[in-house]
């Protein structure tokens, strides 16, 4: 959550900005973290000159990872928080706070063994009890955005540095699931007051926060107690909320920033300015969301009419500036979960769309839909135009306070998009499951989907049959009448040449081995 880097479109990036506006208001008062430093200027840390100046489209509205959820801002939160696992360049789970793990023979219990001697930045131990507290808080806290991702976990036992997760079903996805997106672990002591943790984060990640200006800026310093601190060569991070996209390139040129999320519209300008522009692999996908519990989408013919009315190539051409691609599923081509059999299942065919609407008893102009967005959005205008061509009227309404009605499931029609998940099963259930946050038609799920996902969970990730089992679940999910996928856009990042190359971990930003201005070891 996300990242989503297409211009002016609703989803994790826009939602983050909306939440800042609604939840934080216009407050610009500085929040100081007394345990770490006195409030002061933003000078480089005493250890040296390696300062990362990152302007982010996804500046956290919430620093409590349970509230922030698994949206795109998890990448910023991972500056502060570490997780049981993280992903490597192949997208596989590798050790983070946990140095190893193993399942029982049945596959319904997994024990994580944490690294010895680790501490949170408040001095509390990183142990099995901290993992137990993190899971239970994510499951039970009223404003948790993660409870739906942890339904396989029945209970957690803690003993010393071990945390044993008892599962209510066989689920070999757990190491993939409990990475940076879903279980960033906070100090249990700090998390006892979630409202304070939300703006005073306390984790065991590579950096600690010294200063926060809510919704605007955060200053962090290297955490010498991080388990992999010897491979972190950045002394300080200045994280700021991204300004208008058109000014980011000039900010990079002048040294105001040295690292930035950028829109595809700015990529060519960044290249011409001599900046490094790179594509970070990701699992981004945008869609039109339909609520089949409400008319007119309670009629399958109307749903199919919308499917055939969508010209995906137009989204790519107008919104991604050559960096995106058409898609009809939540996974990119080449990824293990991508299902070639489902490719182009509903090709663009406006004549067929009109025919289906007529068969459903609708004449041109009979169907009128409201589409609420937080700001002007070219994606919404494309949808309005394409549906208008087949006789469906879309009225775009801008509401700058629009934030959470999607999750209340009270919309008939919406636009949405995600940054994907590290666990393919989680991606599928988020989109197509009965409680999926991206399923506007809850509790509906497509026929056969539940069984297909259960089979994915029962299949070890290294089993020879895993790829086909996973693709079969994707195929079952794409039978959903609730989502019409449109296009994907990669994570585009720009940096000054003083910042070395980053590891290409899908959808993640990993600072391991990264140097600035030649300081530190070569990654």
Protein backbone atom coordinates (compact mmCIF):
# COMPACT_ATOMS: atom_id res chain seq x y z
CA UNK A 1 0.00 0.00 0.00
CA UNK A 2 1.24 0.37 -2.23
CA UNK A 3 4.07 1.77 -4.85
CA UNK A 4 1.24 3.46 -6.58
CA UNK A 5 2.86 6.22 -8.53
CA UNK A 6 0.37 7.11 -11.21
CA UNK A 7 -0.70 10.76 -11.12
CA UNK A 8 -3.77 11.94 -9.27
CA UNK A 9 -5.47 8.65 -8.61
CA UNK A 10 -7.19 7.37 -5.51
CA UNK A 11 -5.59 4.56 -3.55
CA UNK A 12 -2.85 4.26 -0.94
CA UNK A 13 -1.00 7.40 -2.01
CA UNK A 14 -4.04 9.61 -2.22
CA UNK A 15 -5.57 8.00 0.81
CA UNK A 16 -2.43 8.78 2.79
CA UNK A 17 -2.75 12.44 1.90
CA UNK A 18 -6.45 12.44 2.71
CA UNK A 19 -5.86 10.84 6.07
CA UNK A 20 -3.23 13.43 6.87
CA UNK A 21 -5.78 16.10 6.16
CA UNK A 22 -8.60 14.54 8.12
CA UNK A 23 -6.81 12.81 10.97
CA UNK A 24 -3.98 15.21 11.56
CA UNK A 25 -5.57 18.39 10.38
CA UNK A 26 -3.23 21.26 9.70
CA UNK A 27 -1.18 20.67 12.82
CA UNK A 28 2.45 21.59 12.30
CA UNK A 29 3.57 21.42 15.89
CA UNK A 30 6.81 19.52 16.33
CA UNK A 31 6.60 16.21 18.17
CA UNK A 32 9.77 15.49 20.11
CA UNK A 33 10.91 12.04 21.17
CA UNK A 34 12.55 12.76 24.53
CA UNK A 35 14.21 9.37 24.90
CA UNK A 36 16.22 9.98 21.77
CA UNK A 37 16.99 13.67 21.52
CA UNK A 38 15.93 17.14 22.37
CA UNK A 39 14.00 18.94 19.69
CA UNK A 40 16.38 20.92 17.59
CA UNK A 41 17.57 21.63 14.10
CA UNK A 42 17.91 19.16 11.29
CA UNK A 43 21.69 19.13 11.13
CA UNK A 44 23.45 15.91 10.20
CA UNK A 45 24.07 13.47 13.01
CA UNK A 46 27.29 13.64 14.92
CA UNK A 47 28.66 10.52 13.24
CA UNK A 48 29.12 12.16 9.86
CA UNK A 49 27.80 13.32 6.56
CA UNK A 50 25.75 10.46 5.15
CA UNK A 51 22.27 11.99 5.21
CA UNK A 52 19.45 10.57 3.13
CA UNK A 53 17.05 13.34 2.09
CA UNK A 54 13.98 11.43 0.96
CA UNK A 55 10.82 13.15 -0.20
CA UNK A 56 8.04 10.59 -0.18
CA UNK A 57 4.62 10.42 -1.76
CA UNK A 58 3.66 8.08 1.07
CA UNK A 59 4.67 10.07 4.14
CA UNK A 60 3.03 8.20 7.03
CA UNK A 61 -0.24 9.52 8.33
CA UNK A 62 0.20 7.00 11.16
CA UNK A 63 3.44 5.71 12.67
CA UNK A 64 1.71 2.86 14.48
CA UNK A 65 2.21 -0.05 12.05
CA UNK A 66 -1.01 -1.69 13.17
CA UNK A 67 -2.95 1.39 12.06
CA UNK A 68 -0.82 2.10 9.01
CA UNK A 69 -1.54 -1.39 7.73
CA UNK A 70 0.13 -2.89 4.71
CA UNK A 71 -0.37 0.04 2.37
CA UNK A 72 2.50 1.71 0.51
CA UNK A 73 3.65 3.63 3.59
CA UNK A 74 5.07 0.39 5.03
CA UNK A 75 8.29 1.28 3.16
CA UNK A 76 8.70 4.45 5.22
CA UNK A 77 7.69 2.72 8.45
CA UNK A 78 10.36 0.08 7.82
CA UNK A 79 12.95 2.77 8.54
CA UNK A 80 11.89 2.43 12.18
CA UNK A 81 10.40 -1.05 12.47
CA UNK A 82 11.82 -4.46 11.68
CA UNK A 83 9.79 -7.63 11.15
CA UNK A 84 10.20 -11.35 11.64
CA UNK A 85 11.15 -11.75 7.99
CA UNK A 86 11.90 -9.62 4.97
CA UNK A 87 12.07 -10.42 1.26
CA UNK A 88 15.07 -10.86 -0.99
CA UNK A 89 15.47 -9.91 -4.65
CA UNK A 90 13.48 -12.98 -5.67
CA UNK A 91 10.61 -12.07 -3.35
CA UNK A 92 11.36 -14.95 -0.97
CA UNK A 93 11.19 -14.68 2.81
CA UNK A 94 14.59 -14.40 4.49
CA UNK A 95 15.56 -13.77 8.14
CA UNK A 96 15.11 -10.39 9.77
CA UNK A 97 14.41 -10.27 13.53
CA UNK A 98 13.91 -14.03 13.35
CA UNK A 99 17.09 -15.85 12.40
CA UNK A 100 15.24 -19.08 11.54
CA UNK A 101 11.89 -20.83 11.69
CA UNK A 102 10.35 -24.25 11.19
CA UNK A 103 6.93 -25.83 10.76
CA UNK A 104 5.64 -28.93 12.48
CA UNK A 105 4.91 -31.98 10.33
CA UNK A 106 1.22 -31.06 9.89
CA UNK A 107 1.96 -27.52 8.74
CA UNK A 108 -0.39 -25.95 11.30
CA UNK A 109 2.27 -24.68 13.71
CA UNK A 110 5.35 -22.56 13.05
CA UNK A 111 8.05 -21.49 15.49
CA UNK A 112 10.18 -18.42 14.88
CA UNK A 113 13.57 -18.22 16.62
CA UNK A 114 14.61 -14.62 17.25
CA UNK A 115 18.16 -13.32 17.20
CA UNK A 116 19.68 -13.08 20.69
CA UNK A 117 20.49 -9.78 22.36
CA UNK A 118 18.22 -7.51 20.34
CA UNK A 119 16.46 -4.50 21.88
CA UNK A 120 13.87 -1.97 20.83
CA UNK A 121 14.99 1.65 20.84
CA UNK A 122 13.41 2.11 24.29
CA UNK A 123 15.58 -0.68 25.71
CA UNK A 124 12.86 -3.33 25.86
CA UNK A 125 13.93 -6.82 24.69
CA UNK A 126 13.00 -8.18 21.27
CA UNK A 127 11.76 -11.63 22.25
CA UNK A 128 8.92 -14.10 21.83
CA UNK A 129 6.70 -12.07 24.14
CA UNK A 130 7.11 -9.03 21.86
CA UNK A 131 6.04 -11.09 18.86
CA UNK A 132 3.03 -12.44 20.75
CA UNK A 133 2.02 -8.90 21.77
CA UNK A 134 2.42 -7.63 18.19
CA UNK A 135 0.22 -10.36 16.71
CA UNK A 136 -2.48 -10.03 19.35
CA UNK A 137 -2.56 -6.26 19.06
CA UNK A 138 -2.85 -6.47 15.27
CA UNK A 139 -5.74 -8.89 15.68
CA UNK A 140 -7.62 -7.05 18.42
CA UNK A 141 -6.89 -3.30 18.35
CA UNK A 142 -10.08 -1.54 17.25
CA UNK A 143 -8.43 0.57 14.57
CA UNK A 144 -6.18 -2.21 13.28
CA UNK A 145 -5.85 -2.41 9.52
CA UNK A 146 -4.20 -5.82 9.77
CA UNK A 147 -6.70 -8.09 11.50
CA UNK A 148 -7.98 -9.47 8.21
CA UNK A 149 -4.47 -10.58 7.23
CA UNK A 150 -3.93 -12.68 10.35
CA UNK A 151 -6.96 -14.95 10.29
CA UNK A 152 -4.83 -18.11 10.03
CA UNK A 153 -3.29 -17.45 13.46
CA UNK A 154 -5.32 -18.91 16.33
CA UNK A 155 -2.87 -18.17 19.14
CA UNK A 156 0.77 -17.43 19.94
CA UNK A 157 2.96 -18.98 22.62
CA UNK A 158 6.11 -17.20 23.75
CA UNK A 159 9.08 -18.78 25.46
CA UNK A 160 12.30 -16.81 25.66
CA UNK A 161 13.44 -15.98 22.13
CA UNK A 162 10.88 -18.32 20.54
CA UNK A 163 7.41 -17.42 19.30
CA UNK A 164 5.19 -20.34 18.26
CA UNK A 165 2.17 -19.55 16.11
CA UNK A 166 -0.67 -22.05 16.34
CA UNK A 167 -2.67 -21.95 13.12
CA UNK A 168 -6.31 -22.79 12.56
CA UNK A 169 -5.43 -24.23 9.16
CA UNK A 170 -2.38 -25.51 7.37
CA UNK A 171 -0.69 -22.36 6.05
CA UNK A 172 2.79 -22.36 4.55
CA UNK A 173 2.43 -18.69 3.59
CA UNK A 174 3.19 -17.41 7.10
CA UNK A 175 6.91 -16.54 6.57
CA UNK A 176 5.93 -14.58 3.45
CA UNK A 177 3.01 -12.96 5.23
CA UNK A 178 4.78 -11.76 8.36
CA UNK A 179 7.31 -9.56 6.64
CA UNK A 180 7.53 -5.79 6.52
CA UNK A 181 4.01 -5.24 5.25
CA UNK A 182 1.94 -7.05 7.83
CA UNK A 183 3.87 -7.41 11.08
CA UNK A 184 6.29 -4.58 11.73
CA UNK A 185 6.98 -5.11 15.42
CA UNK A 186 6.79 -2.27 17.93
CA UNK A 187 7.98 -2.25 21.53
CA UNK A 188 5.17 -3.76 23.65
CA UNK A 189 5.85 -1.14 26.32
CA UNK A 190 5.38 1.71 23.84
CA UNK A 191 2.43 -0.01 22.15
CA UNK A 192 0.58 -0.14 25.48
CA UNK A 193 -0.41 3.43 24.60
CA UNK A 194 -1.20 3.12 20.86
CA UNK A 195 -2.19 6.75 20.49
CA UNK A 196 1.28 7.81 21.66
CA UNK A 197 3.04 5.20 19.53
CA UNK A 198 1.15 6.57 16.53
CA UNK A 199 3.32 9.68 16.58
CA UNK A 200 6.28 8.46 18.67
CA UNK A 201 7.33 5.22 16.95
CA UNK A 202 9.49 2.74 18.88
CA UNK A 203 10.81 -0.19 16.90
CA UNK A 204 13.94 -2.28 16.34
CA UNK A 205 14.63 -1.19 12.78
CA UNK A 206 17.70 0.42 11.20
CA UNK A 207 16.80 3.96 12.34
CA UNK A 208 15.20 5.71 15.31
CA UNK A 209 13.06 8.83 15.13
CA UNK A 210 14.38 11.98 16.77
CA UNK A 211 11.84 14.47 15.52
CA UNK A 212 8.46 14.46 13.78
CA UNK A 213 6.45 17.30 12.30
CA UNK A 214 3.10 15.51 11.83
CA UNK A 215 2.24 14.95 8.21
CA UNK A 216 5.24 16.96 7.04
CA UNK A 217 8.67 15.80 8.15
CA UNK A 218 10.54 13.23 10.20
CA UNK A 219 14.21 13.18 11.18
CA UNK A 220 15.79 9.85 12.01
CA UNK A 221 19.26 8.67 13.01
CA UNK A 222 21.03 5.36 12.59
CA UNK A 223 20.16 2.76 15.23
CA UNK A 224 23.46 1.28 16.47
CA UNK A 225 21.55 -1.61 18.07
CA UNK A 226 19.91 -2.75 14.82
CA UNK A 227 20.87 -6.37 14.19
CA UNK A 228 22.40 -5.52 10.79
CA UNK A 229 23.77 -2.08 11.72
CA UNK A 230 27.18 -2.82 10.22
CA UNK A 231 25.58 -2.85 6.78
CA UNK A 232 23.68 0.42 7.29
CA UNK A 233 25.93 3.24 6.07
CA UNK A 234 23.43 6.09 6.37
CA UNK A 235 23.83 8.26 9.48
CA UNK A 236 20.64 10.26 9.24
CA UNK A 237 17.39 10.37 7.30
CA UNK A 238 15.34 13.48 6.59
CA UNK A 239 11.98 12.21 5.40
CA UNK A 240 9.56 14.79 4.02
CA UNK A 241 6.13 14.71 2.48
CA UNK A 242 6.41 15.11 -1.28
CA UNK A 243 5.47 18.50 -2.72
CA UNK A 244 3.75 18.90 -6.07
CA UNK A 245 5.18 16.36 -8.52
CA UNK A 246 6.42 19.07 -10.87
CA UNK A 247 8.83 20.46 -8.25
CA UNK A 248 10.46 17.20 -7.17
CA UNK A 249 13.00 17.11 -9.99
CA UNK A 250 14.20 20.66 -9.28
CA UNK A 251 14.50 19.74 -5.60
CA UNK A 252 16.71 16.80 -6.51
CA UNK A 253 18.82 18.97 -8.79
CA UNK A 254 19.42 21.60 -6.12
CA UNK A 255 20.15 19.12 -3.34
CA UNK A 256 17.02 19.77 -1.30
CA UNK A 257 16.48 16.02 -1.72
CA UNK A 258 18.72 13.22 -2.88
CA UNK A 259 16.06 10.51 -3.15
CA UNK A 260 12.41 10.71 -4.22
CA UNK A 261 9.32 8.85 -5.35
CA UNK A 262 8.39 10.26 -8.74
CA UNK A 263 5.40 10.18 -11.04
CA UNK A 264 5.85 8.63 -14.48
CA UNK A 265 5.15 12.11 -15.85
CA UNK A 266 8.41 13.33 -14.30
CA UNK A 267 10.68 10.44 -15.29
CA UNK A 268 11.95 11.94 -18.55
CA UNK A 269 12.66 15.30 -16.92
CA UNK A 270 14.59 13.54 -14.16
CA UNK A 271 16.68 11.65 -16.70
CA UNK A 272 17.43 14.83 -18.64
CA UNK A 273 18.50 16.46 -15.39
CA UNK A 274 21.19 13.79 -15.00
CA UNK A 275 19.47 11.99 -12.15
CA UNK A 276 19.35 8.23 -11.71
CA UNK A 277 15.85 6.99 -12.49
CA UNK A 278 15.12 3.38 -11.76
CA UNK A 279 12.17 1.05 -11.74
CA UNK A 280 11.72 -0.90 -8.54
CA UNK A 281 9.81 -4.12 -9.25
CA UNK A 282 6.36 -4.20 -7.73
CA UNK A 283 2.89 -5.69 -7.75
CA UNK A 284 0.84 -2.60 -8.45
CA UNK A 285 -2.58 -2.93 -10.04
CA UNK A 286 -5.50 -0.54 -10.47
CA UNK A 287 -9.11 -1.53 -10.87
CA UNK A 288 -12.71 -0.47 -11.16
CA UNK A 289 -14.56 -1.82 -8.14
CA UNK A 290 -18.20 -2.88 -8.40
CA UNK A 291 -20.63 -3.67 -5.61
CA UNK A 292 -22.73 -6.59 -6.84
CA UNK A 293 -24.91 -6.30 -3.73
CA UNK A 294 -26.40 -3.15 -5.25
CA UNK A 295 -28.17 -2.34 -8.51
CA UNK A 296 -27.28 -2.24 -11.32
CA UNK A 297 -24.35 -4.59 -10.65
CA UNK A 298 -26.60 -7.24 -9.14
CA UNK A 299 -27.21 -8.15 -12.81
CA UNK A 300 -24.39 -10.25 -14.30
CA UNK A 301 -25.00 -8.81 -17.75
CA UNK A 302 -24.30 -5.29 -16.49
CA UNK A 303 -21.09 -6.50 -14.86
CA UNK A 304 -20.00 -8.11 -18.13
CA UNK A 305 -20.94 -4.96 -20.01
CA UNK A 306 -18.53 -2.96 -17.85
CA UNK A 307 -15.83 -5.59 -18.37
CA UNK A 308 -16.11 -5.26 -22.15
CA UNK A 309 -16.33 -1.45 -22.04
CA UNK A 310 -12.84 -1.07 -20.58
CA UNK A 311 -10.02 -0.16 -22.95
CA UNK A 312 -6.98 -0.90 -20.78
CA UNK A 313 -4.48 0.41 -23.30
CA UNK A 314 -5.91 3.91 -22.97
CA UNK A 315 -5.05 3.92 -19.24
CA UNK A 316 -1.49 2.87 -20.00
CA UNK A 317 -1.01 5.41 -22.79
CA UNK A 318 -2.43 8.37 -20.90
CA UNK A 319 -1.33 7.68 -17.32
CA UNK A 320 1.96 5.80 -17.26
CA UNK A 321 4.08 7.58 -19.90
CA UNK A 322 5.34 4.29 -21.26
CA UNK A 323 6.22 2.74 -17.90
CA UNK A 324 3.02 0.77 -17.25
CA UNK A 325 1.23 -2.14 -18.84
CA UNK A 326 -2.31 -3.38 -19.26
CA UNK A 327 -3.45 -6.00 -16.79
CA UNK A 328 -6.55 -7.96 -15.92
CA UNK A 329 -5.18 -9.43 -12.70
CA UNK A 330 -3.36 -8.31 -9.54
CA UNK A 331 -0.01 -9.82 -10.50
CA UNK A 332 2.51 -8.71 -13.14
CA UNK A 333 3.42 -10.93 -16.06
CA UNK A 334 6.33 -13.20 -15.20
CA UNK A 335 5.38 -13.43 -11.52
CA UNK A 336 4.69 -16.94 -10.26
CA UNK A 337 1.04 -16.17 -9.48
CA UNK A 338 0.24 -14.63 -12.87
CA UNK A 339 -2.23 -16.84 -14.74
CA UNK A 340 -1.67 -16.88 -18.53
CA UNK A 341 -4.93 -18.77 -19.05
CA UNK A 342 -6.89 -15.77 -17.75
CA UNK A 343 -5.17 -13.21 -19.96
CA UNK A 344 -7.58 -10.97 -21.87
CA UNK A 345 -10.62 -12.93 -20.68
CA UNK A 346 -12.89 -9.94 -21.39
CA UNK A 347 -11.42 -8.09 -24.38
CA UNK A 348 -12.38 -4.51 -25.17
CA UNK A 349 -15.63 -4.76 -27.16
CA UNK A 350 -17.99 -1.77 -26.81
CA UNK A 351 -20.49 -3.31 -29.24
CA UNK A 352 -20.78 -6.39 -27.02
CA UNK A 353 -21.09 -4.13 -24.00
CA UNK A 354 -24.05 -2.27 -25.54
CA UNK A 355 -25.66 -5.56 -26.50
CA UNK A 356 -25.42 -6.88 -22.93
CA UNK A 357 -26.91 -3.69 -21.49
CA UNK A 358 -29.82 -3.93 -23.92
CA UNK A 359 -30.38 -7.58 -22.95
CA UNK A 360 -30.46 -6.47 -19.30
CA UNK A 361 -33.21 -3.99 -20.17
CA UNK A 362 -31.18 -0.79 -20.04
CA UNK A 363 -31.22 1.92 -22.69
CA UNK A 364 -28.44 4.46 -23.12
CA UNK A 365 -28.51 6.88 -20.21
CA UNK A 366 -30.60 4.66 -17.91
CA UNK A 367 -27.66 3.77 -15.68
CA UNK A 368 -26.25 6.70 -13.75
CA UNK A 369 -23.33 6.20 -11.37
CA UNK A 370 -21.66 8.51 -8.86
CA UNK A 371 -17.88 8.33 -8.66
CA UNK A 372 -16.43 10.10 -5.62
CA UNK A 373 -12.74 11.05 -5.74
CA UNK A 374 -10.61 13.31 -3.50
CA UNK A 375 -9.15 15.45 -6.28
CA UNK A 376 -9.10 15.79 -10.03
CA UNK A 377 -8.07 12.45 -11.43
CA UNK A 378 -7.40 11.61 -15.10
CA UNK A 379 -8.11 7.95 -14.33
CA UNK A 380 -11.67 8.87 -13.33
CA UNK A 381 -12.09 10.86 -16.51
CA UNK A 382 -11.01 7.88 -18.62
CA UNK A 383 -13.54 5.65 -16.86
CA UNK A 384 -16.22 8.28 -17.34
CA UNK A 385 -15.44 8.50 -21.06
CA UNK A 386 -15.23 4.76 -21.68
CA UNK A 387 -18.46 3.92 -19.88
CA UNK A 388 -20.15 6.90 -21.49
CA UNK A 389 -19.42 5.41 -24.91
CA UNK A 390 -21.59 2.38 -24.09
CA UNK A 391 -24.41 4.40 -22.53
CA UNK A 392 -23.50 4.42 -18.81
CA UNK A 393 -23.40 7.91 -17.30
CA UNK A 394 -20.74 8.55 -14.67
CA UNK A 395 -20.96 11.67 -12.54
CA UNK A 396 -17.59 12.53 -11.02
CA UNK A 397 -17.84 14.24 -7.67
CA UNK A 398 -14.77 15.64 -5.90
CA UNK A 399 -14.79 15.46 -2.11
CA UNK A 400 -11.44 16.45 -0.58
CA UNK A 401 -12.46 14.75 2.67
CA UNK A 402 -13.14 11.43 0.95
CA UNK A 403 -11.20 8.83 2.91
CA UNK A 404 -12.74 5.59 4.07
CA UNK A 405 -16.19 4.92 2.55
CA UNK A 406 -14.66 2.17 0.42
CA UNK A 407 -13.89 0.14 3.50
CA UNK A 408 -17.38 0.75 4.83
CA UNK A 409 -18.62 -1.17 1.75
CA UNK A 410 -21.34 1.39 1.16
CA UNK A 411 -20.34 2.43 -2.36
CA UNK A 412 -21.84 1.10 -5.57
CA UNK A 413 -18.88 1.97 -7.74
CA UNK A 414 -15.30 3.05 -7.03
CA UNK A 415 -11.74 3.20 -8.32
CA UNK A 416 -8.98 1.54 -6.42
CA UNK A 417 -5.49 0.13 -6.68
CA UNK A 418 -2.91 -1.65 -4.55
CA UNK A 419 0.79 -2.17 -4.17
CA UNK A 420 0.32 -5.91 -3.74
CA UNK A 421 1.57 -8.14 -0.95
CA UNK A 422 4.56 -10.38 -0.32
CA UNK A 423 2.30 -13.37 0.23
CA UNK A 424 0.46 -14.26 -2.97
CA UNK A 425 -2.35 -15.83 -0.94
CA UNK A 426 -2.77 -12.56 0.96
CA UNK A 427 -2.97 -10.62 -2.29
CA UNK A 428 -5.69 -12.95 -3.52
CA UNK A 429 -7.78 -12.89 -0.34
CA UNK A 430 -7.45 -9.10 -0.05
CA UNK A 431 -9.01 -8.75 -3.49
CA UNK A 432 -11.42 -11.66 -3.71
CA UNK A 433 -12.02 -13.05 -0.20
CA UNK A 434 -15.30 -12.47 1.65
CA UNK A 435 -13.59 -10.15 4.15
CA UNK A 436 -11.04 -8.72 1.73
CA UNK A 437 -10.46 -4.98 2.20
CA UNK A 438 -10.42 -4.57 -1.59
CA UNK A 439 -13.64 -6.52 -2.13
CA UNK A 440 -16.36 -3.91 -2.36
CA UNK A 441 -18.95 -6.70 -2.62
CA UNK A 442 -18.30 -8.36 0.75
CA UNK A 443 -19.24 -11.01 1.81
CA UNK A 444 -19.40 -12.23 -1.79
CA UNK A 445 -16.56 -14.32 -3.17
CA UNK A 446 -16.32 -16.16 -6.49
CA UNK A 447 -17.29 -19.81 -6.62
CA UNK A 448 -14.40 -22.17 -5.89
CA UNK A 449 -12.12 -19.42 -4.62
CA UNK A 450 -12.10 -20.43 -0.95
CA UNK A 451 -11.07 -24.00 -1.74
CA UNK A 452 -8.42 -22.85 -4.23
CA UNK A 453 -6.77 -20.53 -1.71
CA UNK A 454 -6.90 -23.17 1.00
CA UNK A 455 -4.98 -25.45 -1.34
CA UNK A 456 -2.37 -22.73 -1.85
CA UNK A 457 -1.91 -22.45 1.91
CA UNK A 458 -1.55 -26.23 2.23
CA UNK A 459 1.18 -26.35 -0.40
CA UNK A 460 4.78 -25.70 0.72
CA UNK A 461 6.37 -22.86 -1.24
CA UNK A 462 9.15 -25.12 -2.50
CA UNK A 463 6.81 -27.90 -3.65
CA UNK A 464 7.03 -28.60 -7.41
CA UNK A 465 3.28 -28.18 -7.80
CA UNK A 466 3.14 -24.83 -5.99
CA UNK A 467 3.23 -22.58 -9.10
CA UNK A 468 0.28 -24.30 -10.75
CA UNK A 469 -1.70 -24.48 -7.50
CA UNK A 470 -1.16 -20.74 -7.10
CA UNK A 471 -2.18 -19.93 -10.67
CA UNK A 472 -5.33 -21.99 -10.24
CA UNK A 473 -6.25 -19.83 -7.23
CA UNK A 474 -5.61 -16.68 -9.26
CA UNK A 475 -7.87 -18.10 -11.97
CA UNK A 476 -10.60 -18.79 -9.41
CA UNK A 477 -10.30 -15.29 -7.97
CA UNK A 478 -10.57 -13.67 -11.40
CA UNK A 479 -14.03 -15.14 -11.64
CA UNK A 480 -15.01 -12.34 -9.26
CA UNK A 481 -17.66 -9.96 -10.54
CA UNK A 482 -16.51 -7.28 -8.09
CA UNK A 483 -13.29 -6.09 -9.76
CA UNK A 484 -12.32 -5.05 -13.25
CA UNK A 485 -8.54 -4.60 -13.44
CA UNK A 486 -7.25 -1.91 -15.76
CA UNK A 487 -3.50 -1.25 -15.67
CA UNK A 488 -0.34 -1.42 -13.59
CA UNK A 489 2.41 1.13 -13.08
CA UNK A 490 5.81 0.35 -11.56
CA UNK A 491 7.49 1.99 -8.59
CA UNK A 492 9.54 4.82 -10.06
CA UNK A 493 12.29 6.35 -7.97
CA UNK A 494 14.86 9.03 -8.68
CA UNK A 495 18.06 9.77 -6.82
CA UNK A 496 21.15 11.86 -7.09
CA UNK A 497 24.29 10.03 -8.19
CA UNK A 498 25.71 10.40 -4.68
CA UNK A 499 23.29 7.70 -3.51
CA UNK A 500 24.43 4.23 -4.52
CA UNK A 501 22.18 1.62 -6.11
CA UNK A 502 19.54 -0.08 -3.96
CA UNK A 503 18.82 -3.81 -3.75
CA UNK A 504 16.04 -4.67 -6.20
CA UNK A 505 13.67 -6.28 -3.74
CA UNK A 506 10.15 -6.35 -5.22
CA UNK A 507 7.97 -3.50 -3.89
CA UNK A 508 10.41 -2.81 -1.03
CA UNK A 509 13.02 -0.14 -0.41
CA UNK A 510 15.97 -1.77 1.31
CA UNK A 511 18.79 0.43 2.65
CA UNK A 512 21.16 -2.46 3.35
CA UNK A 513 24.59 -1.62 1.92
CA UNK A 514 23.47 1.70 0.42
CA UNK A 515 26.04 4.49 0.61
CA UNK A 516 25.79 8.25 0.21
CA UNK A 517 28.60 10.33 -1.16
CA UNK A 518 31.05 7.47 -0.99
CA UNK A 519 30.71 7.11 2.80
CA UNK A 520 30.67 3.53 4.10
CA UNK A 521 31.35 0.22 2.45
CA UNK A 522 30.53 -0.56 -1.15
CA UNK A 523 27.20 -2.39 -1.37
